[in-house]
């Protein structure tokens, strides 16, 4: 079964106000984008809304084809864990440089925070009019062929801050129940 993502129609044609990822406590709504080349690793970007610069980019220890396979099963849980230490007490959880990554309970490798590259910013620019959806961006040049295609999935996520050591992102479906179920957890243990 293929995941179904429908573009929502928003009242008045405007996006609702969102809170910044940097704001503390409670929950807020952010935009999350999973993207990657056909034979490459998946990156995950967090933005306040589809038209802002990414506040976080994490390269995940997962190939794009594996992500698509996991999503087609209908439920995907990604846990990114890092260790607590005295020198990290004051560090914001999302500023951690490296996390151990688990996908549906199985250790996959490591997620690495990185600065947004020119290519990441190009993807965000191309997708800035997309608030929710999934698809494939064509290669930037004909020489790249199908290997240059970039798969993406963009959605609104409810961001829940449990404590300074735990944050959860729950993908929001525009119609309530259709499409894959995706959650991403950041935990310092």
C-alpha atoms as a PDB file:
ATOM      1  CA  UNK A   1       0.000   0.000   0.000  1.00  0.00           C
ATOM      2  CA  UNK A   2       1.391   3.401  -0.987  1.00  0.00           C
ATOM      3  CA  UNK A   3       1.243   6.281   1.555  1.00  0.00           C
ATOM      4  CA  UNK A   4      -1.366   8.880   0.672  1.00  0.00           C
ATOM      5  CA  UNK A   5      -0.672  12.534   1.357  1.00  0.00           C
ATOM      6  CA  UNK A   6      -3.295  15.090   0.445  1.00  0.00           C
ATOM      7  CA  UNK A   7      -2.684  18.811   0.388  1.00  0.00           C
ATOM      8  CA  UNK A   8      -4.993  20.464   2.905  1.00  0.00           C
ATOM      9  CA  UNK A   9      -7.081  23.496   2.066  1.00  0.00           C
ATOM     10  CA  UNK A  10      -6.451  26.120   4.691  1.00  0.00           C
ATOM     11  CA  UNK A  11      -9.145  28.564   5.855  1.00  0.00           C
ATOM     12  CA  UNK A  12      -8.579  31.917   4.191  1.00  0.00           C
ATOM     13  CA  UNK A  13      -5.653  30.446   2.232  1.00  0.00           C
ATOM     14  CA  UNK A  14      -3.218  31.311   5.038  1.00  0.00           C
ATOM     15  CA  UNK A  15      -1.066  29.168   7.246  1.00  0.00           C
ATOM     16  CA  UNK A  16      -1.872  29.256  10.945  1.00  0.00           C
ATOM     17  CA  UNK A  17       0.552  31.040  13.237  1.00  0.00           C
ATOM     18  CA  UNK A  18       3.300  28.787  14.520  1.00  0.00           C
ATOM     19  CA  UNK A  19       5.619  29.070  17.485  1.00  0.00           C
ATOM     20  CA  UNK A  20       9.370  28.922  17.101  1.00  0.00           C
ATOM     21  CA  UNK A  21      11.227  25.660  17.702  1.00  0.00           C
ATOM     22  CA  UNK A  22      13.462  27.630  20.048  1.00  0.00           C
ATOM     23  CA  UNK A  23      10.545  28.577  22.303  1.00  0.00           C
ATOM     24  CA  UNK A  24      10.480  26.747  25.578  1.00  0.00           C
ATOM     25  CA  UNK A  25       7.907  24.381  27.026  1.00  0.00           C
ATOM     26  CA  UNK A  26       4.546  23.068  25.941  1.00  0.00           C
ATOM     27  CA  UNK A  27       3.765  22.199  22.376  1.00  0.00           C
ATOM     28  CA  UNK A  28       3.810  24.010  19.068  1.00  0.00           C
ATOM     29  CA  UNK A  29       3.397  23.312  15.396  1.00  0.00           C
ATOM     30  CA  UNK A  30       6.409  23.186  13.083  1.00  0.00           C
ATOM     31  CA  UNK A  31       7.166  22.056   9.533  1.00  0.00           C
ATOM     32  CA  UNK A  32       9.303  18.968   9.086  1.00  0.00           C
ATOM     33  CA  UNK A  33      10.781  17.756   5.809  1.00  0.00           C
ATOM     34  CA  UNK A  34      12.371  14.366   5.166  1.00  0.00           C
ATOM     35  CA  UNK A  35      14.351  14.394   1.920  1.00  0.00           C
ATOM     36  CA  UNK A  36      17.108  12.516   0.163  1.00  0.00           C
ATOM     37  CA  UNK A  37      18.473  11.224  -3.113  1.00  0.00           C
ATOM     38  CA  UNK A  38      17.289   7.849  -4.357  1.00  0.00           C
ATOM     39  CA  UNK A  39      20.587   6.148  -3.409  1.00  0.00           C
ATOM     40  CA  UNK A  40      21.521   8.514  -0.606  1.00  0.00           C
ATOM     41  CA  UNK A  41      20.830   9.125   3.057  1.00  0.00           C
ATOM     42  CA  UNK A  42      17.763  10.881   4.359  1.00  0.00           C
ATOM     43  CA  UNK A  43      18.004  14.314   5.934  1.00  0.00           C
ATOM     44  CA  UNK A  44      15.404  15.786   8.278  1.00  0.00           C
ATOM     45  CA  UNK A  45      14.841  19.524   8.406  1.00  0.00           C
ATOM     46  CA  UNK A  46      12.817  21.497  10.949  1.00  0.00           C
ATOM     47  CA  UNK A  47      11.413  24.927  10.046  1.00  0.00           C
ATOM     48  CA  UNK A  48       9.075  27.291  11.870  1.00  0.00           C
ATOM     49  CA  UNK A  49       6.981  27.280   8.677  1.00  0.00           C
ATOM     50  CA  UNK A  50       7.628  26.278   5.036  1.00  0.00           C
ATOM     51  CA  UNK A  51       8.964  29.729   4.123  1.00  0.00           C
ATOM     52  CA  UNK A  52      11.631  30.095   6.830  1.00  0.00           C
ATOM     53  CA  UNK A  53      15.224  28.891   6.999  1.00  0.00           C
ATOM     54  CA  UNK A  54      15.773  25.524   8.686  1.00  0.00           C
ATOM     55  CA  UNK A  55      16.399  25.740  12.431  1.00  0.00           C
ATOM     56  CA  UNK A  56      17.766  22.177  12.438  1.00  0.00           C
ATOM     57  CA  UNK A  57      19.066  19.741   9.809  1.00  0.00           C
ATOM     58  CA  UNK A  58      19.916  16.186  10.851  1.00  0.00           C
ATOM     59  CA  UNK A  59      21.395  13.614   8.493  1.00  0.00           C
ATOM     60  CA  UNK A  60      19.834  10.303   9.474  1.00  0.00           C
ATOM     61  CA  UNK A  61      21.446   6.862   9.312  1.00  0.00           C
ATOM     62  CA  UNK A  62      18.882   5.650   6.791  1.00  0.00           C
ATOM     63  CA  UNK A  63      18.808   5.329   3.019  1.00  0.00           C
ATOM     64  CA  UNK A  64      15.917   6.994   1.168  1.00  0.00           C
ATOM     65  CA  UNK A  65      14.647   3.671  -0.220  1.00  0.00           C
ATOM     66  CA  UNK A  66      14.582   2.175   3.296  1.00  0.00           C
ATOM     67  CA  UNK A  67      12.620   5.179   4.584  1.00  0.00           C
ATOM     68  CA  UNK A  68      10.071   4.771   1.785  1.00  0.00           C
ATOM     69  CA  UNK A  69       9.730   1.056   2.589  1.00  0.00           C
ATOM     70  CA  UNK A  70       9.247   1.752   6.320  1.00  0.00           C
ATOM     71  CA  UNK A  71       6.664   4.466   5.603  1.00  0.00           C
ATOM     72  CA  UNK A  72       4.746   2.166   3.275  1.00  0.00           C
ATOM     73  CA  UNK A  73       4.277  -0.191   6.253  1.00  0.00           C
ATOM     74  CA  UNK A  74       2.232   2.611   7.814  1.00  0.00           C
ATOM     75  CA  UNK A  75       4.092   3.377  11.055  1.00  0.00           C
ATOM     76  CA  UNK A  76       7.546   4.801  11.610  1.00  0.00           C
ATOM     77  CA  UNK A  77       9.139   5.706  14.946  1.00  0.00           C
ATOM     78  CA  UNK A  78      12.558   7.327  14.883  1.00  0.00           C
ATOM     79  CA  UNK A  79      14.317   7.813  18.217  1.00  0.00           C
ATOM     80  CA  UNK A  80      17.463   9.927  18.401  1.00  0.00           C
ATOM     81  CA  UNK A  81      19.285   9.434  21.703  1.00  0.00           C
ATOM     82  CA  UNK A  82      22.358  11.113  23.150  1.00  0.00           C
ATOM     83  CA  UNK A  83      24.105  10.810  26.493  1.00  0.00           C
ATOM     84  CA  UNK A  84      23.767  13.177  29.436  1.00  0.00           C
ATOM     85  CA  UNK A  85      26.913  14.684  30.853  1.00  0.00           C
ATOM     86  CA  UNK A  86      27.662  17.584  33.233  1.00  0.00           C
ATOM     87  CA  UNK A  87      29.037  19.793  30.443  1.00  0.00           C
ATOM     88  CA  UNK A  88      25.822  19.294  28.434  1.00  0.00           C
ATOM     89  CA  UNK A  89      23.533  20.421  31.283  1.00  0.00           C
ATOM     90  CA  UNK A  90      22.990  23.871  29.768  1.00  0.00           C
ATOM     91  CA  UNK A  91      22.991  22.777  26.093  1.00  0.00           C
ATOM     92  CA  UNK A  92      19.699  22.840  24.218  1.00  0.00           C
ATOM     93  CA  UNK A  93      18.761  19.278  23.259  1.00  0.00           C
ATOM     94  CA  UNK A  94      18.468  20.136  19.554  1.00  0.00           C
ATOM     95  CA  UNK A  95      22.007  21.574  19.593  1.00  0.00           C
ATOM     96  CA  UNK A  96      23.509  18.146  20.342  1.00  0.00           C
ATOM     97  CA  UNK A  97      25.886  17.223  17.490  1.00  0.00           C
ATOM     98  CA  UNK A  98      25.364  13.418  17.338  1.00  0.00           C
ATOM     99  CA  UNK A  99      22.572  11.017  18.302  1.00  0.00           C
ATOM    100  CA  UNK A 100      22.300   7.240  18.273  1.00  0.00           C
ATOM    101  CA  UNK A 101      19.430   6.481  15.907  1.00  0.00           C
ATOM    102  CA  UNK A 102      16.763   3.823  16.347  1.00  0.00           C
ATOM    103  CA  UNK A 103      14.106   3.073  13.724  1.00  0.00           C
ATOM    104  CA  UNK A 104      11.062   1.152  14.948  1.00  0.00           C
ATOM    105  CA  UNK A 105      13.127  -0.094  17.877  1.00  0.00           C
ATOM    106  CA  UNK A 106      16.180  -1.237  15.884  1.00  0.00           C
ATOM    107  CA  UNK A 107      19.515   0.553  16.156  1.00  0.00           C
ATOM    108  CA  UNK A 108      20.416   2.038  12.750  1.00  0.00           C
ATOM    109  CA  UNK A 109      23.573   4.038  13.353  1.00  0.00           C
ATOM    110  CA  UNK A 110      23.915   7.728  14.085  1.00  0.00           C
ATOM    111  CA  UNK A 111      22.039  10.915  13.299  1.00  0.00           C
ATOM    112  CA  UNK A 112      24.339  13.910  12.815  1.00  0.00           C
ATOM    113  CA  UNK A 113      23.333  17.540  13.160  1.00  0.00           C
ATOM    114  CA  UNK A 114      24.790  19.729  10.439  1.00  0.00           C
ATOM    115  CA  UNK A 115      24.539  23.213   9.051  1.00  0.00           C
ATOM    116  CA  UNK A 116      22.153  23.590   6.127  1.00  0.00           C
ATOM    117  CA  UNK A 117      24.075  23.184   2.869  1.00  0.00           C
ATOM    118  CA  UNK A 118      23.465  25.092  -0.351  1.00  0.00           C
ATOM    119  CA  UNK A 119      21.659  21.997  -1.614  1.00  0.00           C
ATOM    120  CA  UNK A 120      19.437  21.843   1.502  1.00  0.00           C
ATOM    121  CA  UNK A 121      18.540  25.502   1.058  1.00  0.00           C
ATOM    122  CA  UNK A 122      17.750  24.861  -2.628  1.00  0.00           C
ATOM    123  CA  UNK A 123      15.321  22.077  -1.620  1.00  0.00           C
ATOM    124  CA  UNK A 124      13.679  24.344   0.996  1.00  0.00           C
ATOM    125  CA  UNK A 125      13.377  27.131  -1.603  1.00  0.00           C
ATOM    126  CA  UNK A 126      11.765  24.814  -4.171  1.00  0.00           C
ATOM    127  CA  UNK A 127       9.358  23.485  -1.522  1.00  0.00           C
ATOM    128  CA  UNK A 128       8.512  26.793   0.163  1.00  0.00           C
ATOM    129  CA  UNK A 129       5.017  26.830  -1.388  1.00  0.00           C
ATOM    130  CA  UNK A 130       4.363  23.267  -0.146  1.00  0.00           C
ATOM    131  CA  UNK A 131       2.997  23.087   3.382  1.00  0.00           C
ATOM    132  CA  UNK A 132       2.254  19.333   3.263  1.00  0.00           C
ATOM    133  CA  UNK A 133       2.865  16.657   0.678  1.00  0.00           C
ATOM    134  CA  UNK A 134       5.226  14.071  -0.754  1.00  0.00           C
ATOM    135  CA  UNK A 135       6.853  13.650  -4.125  1.00  0.00           C
ATOM    136  CA  UNK A 136      10.024  13.699  -6.152  1.00  0.00           C
ATOM    137  CA  UNK A 137      11.983  16.747  -7.280  1.00  0.00           C
ATOM    138  CA  UNK A 138      13.623  16.402 -10.707  1.00  0.00           C
ATOM    139  CA  UNK A 139      17.435  16.357 -11.002  1.00  0.00           C
ATOM    140  CA  UNK A 140      19.102  19.762 -11.211  1.00  0.00           C
ATOM    141  CA  UNK A 141      20.825  18.697 -14.446  1.00  0.00           C
ATOM    142  CA  UNK A 142      20.138  16.077 -17.108  1.00  0.00           C
ATOM    143  CA  UNK A 143      23.528  14.435 -16.504  1.00  0.00           C
ATOM    144  CA  UNK A 144      22.399  13.297 -13.042  1.00  0.00           C
ATOM    145  CA  UNK A 145      19.549  11.168 -14.437  1.00  0.00           C
ATOM    146  CA  UNK A 146      17.206   9.355 -12.036  1.00  0.00           C
ATOM    147  CA  UNK A 147      19.931   9.183  -9.371  1.00  0.00           C
ATOM    148  CA  UNK A 148      19.650  12.979  -9.158  1.00  0.00           C
ATOM    149  CA  UNK A 149      15.976  12.845  -8.205  1.00  0.00           C
ATOM    150  CA  UNK A 150      15.242  14.023  -4.674  1.00  0.00           C
ATOM    151  CA  UNK A 151      12.374  12.321  -2.814  1.00  0.00           C
ATOM    152  CA  UNK A 152      10.686  14.402  -0.121  1.00  0.00           C
ATOM    153  CA  UNK A 153       7.897  14.279   2.407  1.00  0.00           C
ATOM    154  CA  UNK A 154       6.819  17.471   4.131  1.00  0.00           C
ATOM    155  CA  UNK A 155       4.264  17.761   6.901  1.00  0.00           C
ATOM    156  CA  UNK A 156       3.230  19.734   9.933  1.00  0.00           C
ATOM    157  CA  UNK A 157       4.437  18.214  13.180  1.00  0.00           C
ATOM    158  CA  UNK A 158       3.200  18.820  16.697  1.00  0.00           C
ATOM    159  CA  UNK A 159       6.309  19.533  18.757  1.00  0.00           C
ATOM    160  CA  UNK A 160       5.990  18.503  22.392  1.00  0.00           C
ATOM    161  CA  UNK A 161       8.706  19.458  24.861  1.00  0.00           C
ATOM    162  CA  UNK A 162       8.652  16.982  27.740  1.00  0.00           C
ATOM    163  CA  UNK A 163      11.707  18.400  29.517  1.00  0.00           C
ATOM    164  CA  UNK A 164      15.134  19.830  28.720  1.00  0.00           C
ATOM    165  CA  UNK A 165      16.100  16.238  27.873  1.00  0.00           C
ATOM    166  CA  UNK A 166      13.150  15.137  25.727  1.00  0.00           C
ATOM    167  CA  UNK A 167      11.251  16.470  22.732  1.00  0.00           C
ATOM    168  CA  UNK A 168       8.822  14.652  20.477  1.00  0.00           C
ATOM    169  CA  UNK A 169       7.574  15.440  16.986  1.00  0.00           C
ATOM    170  CA  UNK A 170       4.282  13.875  15.875  1.00  0.00           C
ATOM    171  CA  UNK A 171       3.292  14.169  12.220  1.00  0.00           C
ATOM    172  CA  UNK A 172      -0.146  15.714  11.762  1.00  0.00           C
ATOM    173  CA  UNK A 173      -2.323  14.278   9.020  1.00  0.00           C
ATOM    174  CA  UNK A 174      -4.471  16.874   7.217  1.00  0.00           C
ATOM    175  CA  UNK A 175      -7.570  14.654   7.261  1.00  0.00           C
ATOM    176  CA  UNK A 176      -7.045  12.941  10.573  1.00  0.00           C
ATOM    177  CA  UNK A 177      -6.165   9.327   9.756  1.00  0.00           C
ATOM    178  CA  UNK A 178      -4.982   8.718   6.168  1.00  0.00           C
ATOM    179  CA  UNK A 179      -1.317   8.287   5.400  1.00  0.00           C
ATOM    180  CA  UNK A 180       1.681   7.077   7.352  1.00  0.00           C
ATOM    181  CA  UNK A 181       2.066   7.531  11.091  1.00  0.00           C
ATOM    182  CA  UNK A 182       5.440   9.145  11.827  1.00  0.00           C
ATOM    183  CA  UNK A 183       6.950  10.214  15.142  1.00  0.00           C
ATOM    184  CA  UNK A 184      10.468  11.449  15.879  1.00  0.00           C
ATOM    185  CA  UNK A 185      11.830  11.522  19.416  1.00  0.00           C
ATOM    186  CA  UNK A 186      14.905  13.428  20.658  1.00  0.00           C
ATOM    187  CA  UNK A 187      16.073  12.110  24.039  1.00  0.00           C
ATOM    188  CA  UNK A 188      19.086  12.759  26.260  1.00  0.00           C
ATOM    189  CA  UNK A 189      19.599   9.776  28.612  1.00  0.00           C
END
